[in-house]
């Protein structure tokens, strides 16, 4: 018995008592309107059952189509997997072929880096040596320039001192001449002046370093004389004979 027959029997089940109550030859009245209404309901139920059967059939077909699609997807996946496997094998073969090339390139790069480092070290060493030589040459040139300048300065100072010494000696001669012309009334004054003139001449002869300017002690413009026998020592004012080291 198929599903449609079972559904029809189930739909007629409510009318079994009514049909069973009608006996053959009975004169009892039967309400055929109810039977007709039941028949309509049965027909409607049959239509619904057919629609459900058709829907089930469509669903089954769709499911079958879905299974085919799944199977197709599985076939596609398997084909893609095989293609990927073949591609991986090709890549592995290419990698194996390129390994030697890569190693050779790495060796070339390492050699170039080594050569560049050696060249850079040599350049740094050459530049350092050139810089040291330039510094030494500049230092020697500067030293010669300083020595020359000091020589010129000493020469200029010596020339100036000689000129000043000559001027002082001339002034001393004039003083001696004036003193020599004084009469005897000056007496000891003349001798004192002569001794001072001699002392000044002796001091001039000691080192000859005389500086003309104002004494910081007495503010008289007189020669500031060096009393150091070695030359270049302490200086004294020619007027007040006081030490004038700060002059």
C-alpha atoms as a PDB file:
ATOM      1  CA  UNK A   1       0.000   0.000   0.000  1.00  0.00           C
ATOM      2  CA  UNK A   2       1.447   3.324  -1.055  1.00  0.00           C
ATOM      3  CA  UNK A   3       1.442   6.535   0.914  1.00  0.00           C
ATOM      4  CA  UNK A   4      -1.476   8.049  -1.046  1.00  0.00           C
ATOM      5  CA  UNK A   5      -3.832   5.133  -0.198  1.00  0.00           C
ATOM      6  CA  UNK A   6      -2.872   5.322   3.464  1.00  0.00           C
ATOM      7  CA  UNK A   7      -3.645   9.031   3.487  1.00  0.00           C
ATOM      8  CA  UNK A   8      -7.087   8.380   1.850  1.00  0.00           C
ATOM      9  CA  UNK A   9      -7.992   5.746   4.441  1.00  0.00           C
ATOM     10  CA  UNK A  10      -6.968   8.086   7.233  1.00  0.00           C
ATOM     11  CA  UNK A  11      -9.173  10.844   5.766  1.00  0.00           C
ATOM     12  CA  UNK A  12     -12.261   8.472   5.610  1.00  0.00           C
ATOM     13  CA  UNK A  13     -11.790   7.218   9.163  1.00  0.00           C
ATOM     14  CA  UNK A  14     -14.226   9.782  10.715  1.00  0.00           C
ATOM     15  CA  UNK A  15     -17.095   8.490   8.461  1.00  0.00           C
ATOM     16  CA  UNK A  16     -16.808   4.831   9.282  1.00  0.00           C
ATOM     17  CA  UNK A  17     -19.381   4.962  12.143  1.00  0.00           C
ATOM     18  CA  UNK A  18     -21.833   6.819   9.926  1.00  0.00           C
ATOM     19  CA  UNK A  19     -21.541   4.312   7.078  1.00  0.00           C
ATOM     20  CA  UNK A  20     -21.726   1.418   9.487  1.00  0.00           C
ATOM     21  CA  UNK A  21     -25.030   2.709  10.911  1.00  0.00           C
ATOM     22  CA  UNK A  22     -26.766   2.381   7.518  1.00  0.00           C
ATOM     23  CA  UNK A  23     -27.940  -1.156   7.083  1.00  0.00           C
ATOM     24  CA  UNK A  24     -29.108  -2.591   3.790  1.00  0.00           C
ATOM     25  CA  UNK A  25     -32.932  -2.188   3.421  1.00  0.00           C
ATOM     26  CA  UNK A  26     -33.034   0.335   6.277  1.00  0.00           C
ATOM     27  CA  UNK A  27     -35.511   3.160   5.952  1.00  0.00           C
ATOM     28  CA  UNK A  28     -33.657   5.489   8.285  1.00  0.00           C
ATOM     29  CA  UNK A  29     -32.864   8.801   6.764  1.00  0.00           C
ATOM     30  CA  UNK A  30     -29.251   9.642   5.927  1.00  0.00           C
ATOM     31  CA  UNK A  31     -27.905  13.218   5.837  1.00  0.00           C
ATOM     32  CA  UNK A  32     -26.239  13.170   2.437  1.00  0.00           C
ATOM     33  CA  UNK A  33     -25.210  16.810   2.787  1.00  0.00           C
ATOM     34  CA  UNK A  34     -22.776  15.787   5.454  1.00  0.00           C
ATOM     35  CA  UNK A  35     -21.501  13.005   3.255  1.00  0.00           C
ATOM     36  CA  UNK A  36     -21.046  15.429   0.367  1.00  0.00           C
ATOM     37  CA  UNK A  37     -19.234  17.855   2.621  1.00  0.00           C
ATOM     38  CA  UNK A  38     -17.015  15.016   3.806  1.00  0.00           C
ATOM     39  CA  UNK A  39     -16.345  14.008   0.225  1.00  0.00           C
ATOM     40  CA  UNK A  40     -15.313  17.598  -0.593  1.00  0.00           C
ATOM     41  CA  UNK A  41     -12.987  17.580   2.379  1.00  0.00           C
ATOM     42  CA  UNK A  42     -11.601  14.263   1.209  1.00  0.00           C
ATOM     43  CA  UNK A  43     -10.993  15.691  -2.251  1.00  0.00           C
ATOM     44  CA  UNK A  44      -9.331  18.744  -0.748  1.00  0.00           C
ATOM     45  CA  UNK A  45      -7.225  16.468   1.411  1.00  0.00           C
ATOM     46  CA  UNK A  46      -6.271  14.471  -1.677  1.00  0.00           C
ATOM     47  CA  UNK A  47      -5.184  17.728  -3.387  1.00  0.00           C
ATOM     48  CA  UNK A  48      -3.080  18.680  -0.400  1.00  0.00           C
ATOM     49  CA  UNK A  49      -1.640  15.183  -0.286  1.00  0.00           C
ATOM     50  CA  UNK A  50      -0.752  15.431  -3.995  1.00  0.00           C
ATOM     51  CA  UNK A  51       0.877  18.818  -3.450  1.00  0.00           C
ATOM     52  CA  UNK A  52       2.892  17.419  -0.562  1.00  0.00           C
ATOM     53  CA  UNK A  53       3.889  14.426  -2.640  1.00  0.00           C
ATOM     54  CA  UNK A  54       4.970  16.705  -5.466  1.00  0.00           C
ATOM     55  CA  UNK A  55       6.925  18.856  -3.014  1.00  0.00           C
ATOM     56  CA  UNK A  56       8.572  15.735  -1.618  1.00  0.00           C
ATOM     57  CA  UNK A  57       9.417  14.645  -5.140  1.00  0.00           C
ATOM     58  CA  UNK A  58      10.942  18.036  -5.933  1.00  0.00           C
ATOM     59  CA  UNK A  59      12.881  17.954  -2.680  1.00  0.00           C
ATOM     60  CA  UNK A  60      14.167  14.487  -3.541  1.00  0.00           C
ATOM     61  CA  UNK A  61      15.224  15.679  -6.977  1.00  0.00           C
ATOM     62  CA  UNK A  62      16.912  18.719  -5.446  1.00  0.00           C
ATOM     63  CA  UNK A  63      18.654  16.481  -2.972  1.00  0.00           C
ATOM     64  CA  UNK A  64      19.777  14.257  -5.789  1.00  0.00           C
ATOM     65  CA  UNK A  65      20.983  17.360  -7.647  1.00  0.00           C
ATOM     66  CA  UNK A  66      22.787  18.534  -4.514  1.00  0.00           C
ATOM     67  CA  UNK A  67      24.464  15.155  -4.206  1.00  0.00           C
ATOM     68  CA  UNK A  68      25.583  15.454  -7.809  1.00  0.00           C
ATOM     69  CA  UNK A  69      26.906  18.934  -7.095  1.00  0.00           C
ATOM     70  CA  UNK A  70      28.762  17.663  -4.023  1.00  0.00           C
ATOM     71  CA  UNK A  71      30.177  14.837  -6.045  1.00  0.00           C
ATOM     72  CA  UNK A  72      31.229  17.305  -8.732  1.00  0.00           C
ATOM     73  CA  UNK A  73      32.862  19.511  -6.110  1.00  0.00           C
ATOM     74  CA  UNK A  74      34.682  16.462  -4.766  1.00  0.00           C
ATOM     75  CA  UNK A  75      35.873  15.635  -8.273  1.00  0.00           C
ATOM     76  CA  UNK A  76      36.970  19.247  -8.758  1.00  0.00           C
ATOM     77  CA  UNK A  77      38.814  19.209  -5.421  1.00  0.00           C
ATOM     78  CA  UNK A  78      40.540  15.971  -6.339  1.00  0.00           C
ATOM     79  CA  UNK A  79      41.522  17.391  -9.734  1.00  0.00           C
ATOM     80  CA  UNK A  80      42.789  20.587  -8.103  1.00  0.00           C
ATOM     81  CA  UNK A  81      44.739  18.529  -5.574  1.00  0.00           C
ATOM     82  CA  UNK A  82      46.368  16.525  -8.339  1.00  0.00           C
ATOM     83  CA  UNK A  83      47.160  19.705 -10.248  1.00  0.00           C
ATOM     84  CA  UNK A  84      48.612  21.283  -7.092  1.00  0.00           C
ATOM     85  CA  UNK A  85      50.699  18.182  -6.463  1.00  0.00           C
ATOM     86  CA  UNK A  86      52.038  18.358  -9.997  1.00  0.00           C
ATOM     87  CA  UNK A  87      52.766  22.061  -9.564  1.00  0.00           C
ATOM     88  CA  UNK A  88      54.588  21.415  -6.293  1.00  0.00           C
ATOM     89  CA  UNK A  89      56.707  18.773  -7.989  1.00  0.00           C
ATOM     90  CA  UNK A  90      57.571  21.249 -10.729  1.00  0.00           C
ATOM     91  CA  UNK A  91      58.485  23.874  -8.119  1.00  0.00           C
ATOM     92  CA  UNK A  92      60.639  21.371  -6.250  1.00  0.00           C
ATOM     93  CA  UNK A  93      62.466  20.478  -9.466  1.00  0.00           C
ATOM     94  CA  UNK A  94      62.980  24.177 -10.244  1.00  0.00           C
ATOM     95  CA  UNK A  95      64.216  24.845  -6.714  1.00  0.00           C
ATOM     96  CA  UNK A  96      66.650  21.969  -6.957  1.00  0.00           C
ATOM     97  CA  UNK A  97      67.855  23.378 -10.268  1.00  0.00           C
ATOM     98  CA  UNK A  98      68.219  26.906  -8.852  1.00  0.00           C
ATOM     99  CA  UNK A  99      70.054  25.852  -5.695  1.00  0.00           C
ATOM    100  CA  UNK A 100      73.420  25.777  -7.422  1.00  0.00           C
ATOM    101  CA  UNK A 101      72.793  29.167  -9.035  1.00  0.00           C
ATOM    102  CA  UNK A 102      71.812  30.695  -5.684  1.00  0.00           C
ATOM    103  CA  UNK A 103      74.911  29.303  -3.978  1.00  0.00           C
ATOM    104  CA  UNK A 104      77.103  30.686  -6.763  1.00  0.00           C
ATOM    105  CA  UNK A 105      75.470  34.113  -6.511  1.00  0.00           C
ATOM    106  CA  UNK A 106      75.932  34.119  -2.736  1.00  0.00           C
ATOM    107  CA  UNK A 107      79.626  33.350  -3.215  1.00  0.00           C
ATOM    108  CA  UNK A 108      79.929  36.221  -5.708  1.00  0.00           C
ATOM    109  CA  UNK A 109      78.202  38.617  -3.306  1.00  0.00           C
ATOM    110  CA  UNK A 110      80.458  37.525  -0.436  1.00  0.00           C
ATOM    111  CA  UNK A 111      83.542  38.030  -2.607  1.00  0.00           C
ATOM    112  CA  UNK A 112      82.343  41.497  -3.665  1.00  0.00           C
ATOM    113  CA  UNK A 113      81.691  42.462  -0.020  1.00  0.00           C
ATOM    114  CA  UNK A 114      85.169  41.241   0.944  1.00  0.00           C
ATOM    115  CA  UNK A 115      86.778  43.168  -1.909  1.00  0.00           C
ATOM    116  CA  UNK A 116      84.804  46.315  -1.057  1.00  0.00           C
ATOM    117  CA  UNK A 117      85.838  46.057   2.604  1.00  0.00           C
ATOM    118  CA  UNK A 118      89.484  45.673   1.644  1.00  0.00           C
ATOM    119  CA  UNK A 119      89.278  48.650  -0.716  1.00  0.00           C
ATOM    120  CA  UNK A 120      87.536  50.724   1.960  1.00  0.00           C
ATOM    121  CA  UNK A 121      90.181  49.804   4.567  1.00  0.00           C
ATOM    122  CA  UNK A 122      92.941  50.729   2.124  1.00  0.00           C
ATOM    123  CA  UNK A 123      91.247  54.047   1.323  1.00  0.00           C
ATOM    124  CA  UNK A 124      90.825  54.838   5.028  1.00  0.00           C
ATOM    125  CA  UNK A 125      94.483  53.990   5.666  1.00  0.00           C
ATOM    126  CA  UNK A 126      95.623  56.142   2.723  1.00  0.00           C
ATOM    127  CA  UNK A 127      93.424  59.044   3.816  1.00  0.00           C
ATOM    128  CA  UNK A 128      94.694  58.725   7.393  1.00  0.00           C
ATOM    129  CA  UNK A 129      98.316  58.726   6.234  1.00  0.00           C
ATOM    130  CA  UNK A 130      97.679  61.717   3.967  1.00  0.00           C
ATOM    131  CA  UNK A 131      95.945  63.555   6.814  1.00  0.00           C
ATOM    132  CA  UNK A 132      98.814  62.818   9.208  1.00  0.00           C
ATOM    133  CA  UNK A 133     101.325  64.056   6.625  1.00  0.00           C
ATOM    134  CA  UNK A 134      99.295  67.219   6.022  1.00  0.00           C
ATOM    135  CA  UNK A 135      99.043  67.876   9.783  1.00  0.00           C
ATOM    136  CA  UNK A 136     102.790  67.347  10.152  1.00  0.00           C
ATOM    137  CA  UNK A 137     103.519  69.650   7.204  1.00  0.00           C
ATOM    138  CA  UNK A 138     101.131  72.289   8.527  1.00  0.00           C
ATOM    139  CA  UNK A 139     102.681  72.021  11.994  1.00  0.00           C
ATOM    140  CA  UNK A 140     106.195  72.394  10.577  1.00  0.00           C
ATOM    141  CA  UNK A 141     105.121  75.347   8.444  1.00  0.00           C
ATOM    142  CA  UNK A 142     103.397  76.963  11.431  1.00  0.00           C
ATOM    143  CA  UNK A 143     106.458  76.370  13.579  1.00  0.00           C
ATOM    144  CA  UNK A 144     108.702  77.953  10.948  1.00  0.00           C
ATOM    145  CA  UNK A 145     106.323  80.893  10.678  1.00  0.00           C
ATOM    146  CA  UNK A 146     106.266  81.377  14.454  1.00  0.00           C
ATOM    147  CA  UNK A 147     110.035  81.076  14.707  1.00  0.00           C
ATOM    148  CA  UNK A 148     110.435  83.584  11.874  1.00  0.00           C
ATOM    149  CA  UNK A 149     108.001  85.976  13.495  1.00  0.00           C
ATOM    150  CA  UNK A 150     109.824  85.687  16.821  1.00  0.00           C
ATOM    151  CA  UNK A 151     113.120  86.312  15.064  1.00  0.00           C
ATOM    152  CA  UNK A 152     111.724  89.403  13.389  1.00  0.00           C
ATOM    153  CA  UNK A 153     110.300  90.585  16.696  1.00  0.00           C
ATOM    154  CA  UNK A 154     113.608  90.079  18.499  1.00  0.00           C
ATOM    155  CA  UNK A 155     115.396  91.852  15.706  1.00  0.00           C
ATOM    156  CA  UNK A 156     112.986  94.781  15.851  1.00  0.00           C
ATOM    157  CA  UNK A 157     113.309  94.968  19.645  1.00  0.00           C
ATOM    158  CA  UNK A 158     117.106  94.846  19.384  1.00  0.00           C
ATOM    159  CA  UNK A 159     117.110  97.604  16.786  1.00  0.00           C
ATOM    160  CA  UNK A 160     114.766  99.727  18.904  1.00  0.00           C
ATOM    161  CA  UNK A 161     116.896  99.147  22.015  1.00  0.00           C
ATOM    162  CA  UNK A 162     120.053 100.117  20.150  1.00  0.00           C
ATOM    163  CA  UNK A 163     118.411 103.296  18.913  1.00  0.00           C
ATOM    164  CA  UNK A 164     117.151 104.114  22.405  1.00  0.00           C
ATOM    165  CA  UNK A 165     120.543 103.350  23.909  1.00  0.00           C
ATOM    166  CA  UNK A 166     122.190 105.670  21.402  1.00  0.00           C
ATOM    167  CA  UNK A 167     119.678 108.406  22.215  1.00  0.00           C
ATOM    168  CA  UNK A 168     120.300 108.002  25.943  1.00  0.00           C
ATOM    169  CA  UNK A 169     124.044 108.098  25.483  1.00  0.00           C
ATOM    170  CA  UNK A 170     123.713 111.299  23.479  1.00  0.00           C
ATOM    171  CA  UNK A 171     121.558 112.820  26.222  1.00  0.00           C
ATOM    172  CA  UNK A 172     124.091 111.730  28.834  1.00  0.00           C
ATOM    173  CA  UNK A 173     126.878 113.383  26.877  1.00  0.00           C
ATOM    174  CA  UNK A 174     124.886 116.597  26.815  1.00  0.00           C
ATOM    175  CA  UNK A 175     124.342 116.330  30.563  1.00  0.00           C
ATOM    176  CA  UNK A 176     128.047 115.727  31.112  1.00  0.00           C
ATOM    177  CA  UNK A 177     128.816 118.747  28.978  1.00  0.00           C
ATOM    178  CA  UNK A 178     126.426 120.918  30.972  1.00  0.00           C
ATOM    179  CA  UNK A 179     127.757 119.595  34.249  1.00  0.00           C
ATOM    180  CA  UNK A 180     131.311 120.131  33.122  1.00  0.00           C
ATOM    181  CA  UNK A 181     130.497 123.813  32.449  1.00  0.00           C
ATOM    182  CA  UNK A 182     129.323 124.479  36.003  1.00  0.00           C
ATOM    183  CA  UNK A 183     131.605 126.529  38.221  1.00  0.00           C
ATOM    184  CA  UNK A 184     133.192 125.362  41.432  1.00  0.00           C
ATOM    185  CA  UNK A 185     130.306 126.643  43.551  1.00  0.00           C
ATOM    186  CA  UNK A 186     128.356 123.525  42.719  1.00  0.00           C
ATOM    187  CA  UNK A 187     131.019 121.479  44.460  1.00  0.00           C
ATOM    188  CA  UNK A 188     129.644 118.113  45.592  1.00  0.00           C
ATOM    189  CA  UNK A 189     126.504 118.527  43.468  1.00  0.00           C
ATOM    190  CA  UNK A 190     128.588 118.198  40.365  1.00  0.00           C
ATOM    191  CA  UNK A 191     130.313 115.097  41.667  1.00  0.00           C
ATOM    192  CA  UNK A 192     126.968 113.564  42.664  1.00  0.00           C
ATOM    193  CA  UNK A 193     125.499 114.237  39.242  1.00  0.00           C
ATOM    194  CA  UNK A 194     128.593 112.771  37.593  1.00  0.00           C
ATOM    195  CA  UNK A 195     128.305 109.634  39.729  1.00  0.00           C
ATOM    196  CA  UNK A 196     124.639 109.252  38.866  1.00  0.00           C
ATOM    197  CA  UNK A 197     125.421 109.711  35.202  1.00  0.00           C
ATOM    198  CA  UNK A 198     128.098 107.049  35.477  1.00  0.00           C
ATOM    199  CA  UNK A 199     125.674 104.731  37.277  1.00  0.00           C
ATOM    200  CA  UNK A 200     123.104 105.188  34.529  1.00  0.00           C
ATOM    201  CA  UNK A 201     125.738 104.487  31.908  1.00  0.00           C
ATOM    202  CA  UNK A 202     126.796 101.385  33.789  1.00  0.00           C
ATOM    203  CA  UNK A 203     123.186 100.176  33.972  1.00  0.00           C
ATOM    204  CA  UNK A 204     122.723 100.823  30.288  1.00  0.00           C
ATOM    205  CA  UNK A 205     125.822  98.805  29.608  1.00  0.00           C
ATOM    206  CA  UNK A 206     124.514  95.906  31.734  1.00  0.00           C
ATOM    207  CA  UNK A 207     121.555  94.888  29.510  1.00  0.00           C
ATOM    208  CA  UNK A 208     120.434  97.932  27.519  1.00  0.00           C
ATOM    209  CA  UNK A 209     116.744  97.241  28.057  1.00  0.00           C
ATOM    210  CA  UNK A 210     115.109 100.601  28.700  1.00  0.00           C
ATOM    211  CA  UNK A 211     111.423 101.428  28.470  1.00  0.00           C
ATOM    212  CA  UNK A 212     110.279 105.021  28.296  1.00  0.00           C
ATOM    213  CA  UNK A 213     106.973 105.748  29.950  1.00  0.00           C
ATOM    214  CA  UNK A 214     105.256 106.970  33.102  1.00  0.00           C
ATOM    215  CA  UNK A 215     106.366 105.288  36.314  1.00  0.00           C
ATOM    216  CA  UNK A 216     103.401 103.761  38.174  1.00  0.00           C
ATOM    217  CA  UNK A 217     104.950 104.941  41.458  1.00  0.00           C
ATOM    218  CA  UNK A 218     105.848 108.582  40.890  1.00  0.00           C
ATOM    219  CA  UNK A 219     104.176 109.158  37.473  1.00  0.00           C
ATOM    220  CA  UNK A 220     107.304 110.834  36.082  1.00  0.00           C
ATOM    221  CA  UNK A 221     108.161 110.043  32.492  1.00  0.00           C
ATOM    222  CA  UNK A 222     111.589 108.518  32.870  1.00  0.00           C
ATOM    223  CA  UNK A 223     113.352 105.470  31.502  1.00  0.00           C
ATOM    224  CA  UNK A 224     112.453 102.279  33.345  1.00  0.00           C
ATOM    225  CA  UNK A 225     115.810 100.566  33.726  1.00  0.00           C
ATOM    226  CA  UNK A 226     116.603  96.874  34.026  1.00  0.00           C
ATOM    227  CA  UNK A 227     118.757  96.110  37.081  1.00  0.00           C
ATOM    228  CA  UNK A 228     119.153  92.413  36.275  1.00  0.00           C
ATOM    229  CA  UNK A 229     122.730  91.558  35.340  1.00  0.00           C
ATOM    230  CA  UNK A 230     121.369  88.740  33.117  1.00  0.00           C
ATOM    231  CA  UNK A 231     119.035  91.073  31.267  1.00  0.00           C
ATOM    232  CA  UNK A 232     115.276  90.937  31.224  1.00  0.00           C
ATOM    233  CA  UNK A 233     114.794  91.020  35.023  1.00  0.00           C
ATOM    234  CA  UNK A 234     113.224  93.604  37.323  1.00  0.00           C
ATOM    235  CA  UNK A 235     112.813  97.162  36.149  1.00  0.00           C
ATOM    236  CA  UNK A 236     113.216 100.350  38.185  1.00  0.00           C
ATOM    237  CA  UNK A 237     112.100 103.912  37.670  1.00  0.00           C
ATOM    238  CA  UNK A 238     114.903 106.288  36.672  1.00  0.00           C
ATOM    239  CA  UNK A 239     113.350 109.053  38.770  1.00  0.00           C
ATOM    240  CA  UNK A 240     112.352 107.496  42.103  1.00  0.00           C
ATOM    241  CA  UNK A 241     114.481 104.354  41.915  1.00  0.00           C
ATOM    242  CA  UNK A 242     111.444 102.356  42.999  1.00  0.00           C
ATOM    243  CA  UNK A 243     110.626  98.922  41.654  1.00  0.00           C
ATOM    244  CA  UNK A 244     108.084  99.059  38.843  1.00  0.00           C
ATOM    245  CA  UNK A 245     107.433  95.449  37.969  1.00  0.00           C
ATOM    246  CA  UNK A 246     103.839  96.145  36.930  1.00  0.00           C
ATOM    247  CA  UNK A 247     104.901  98.809  34.449  1.00  0.00           C
END
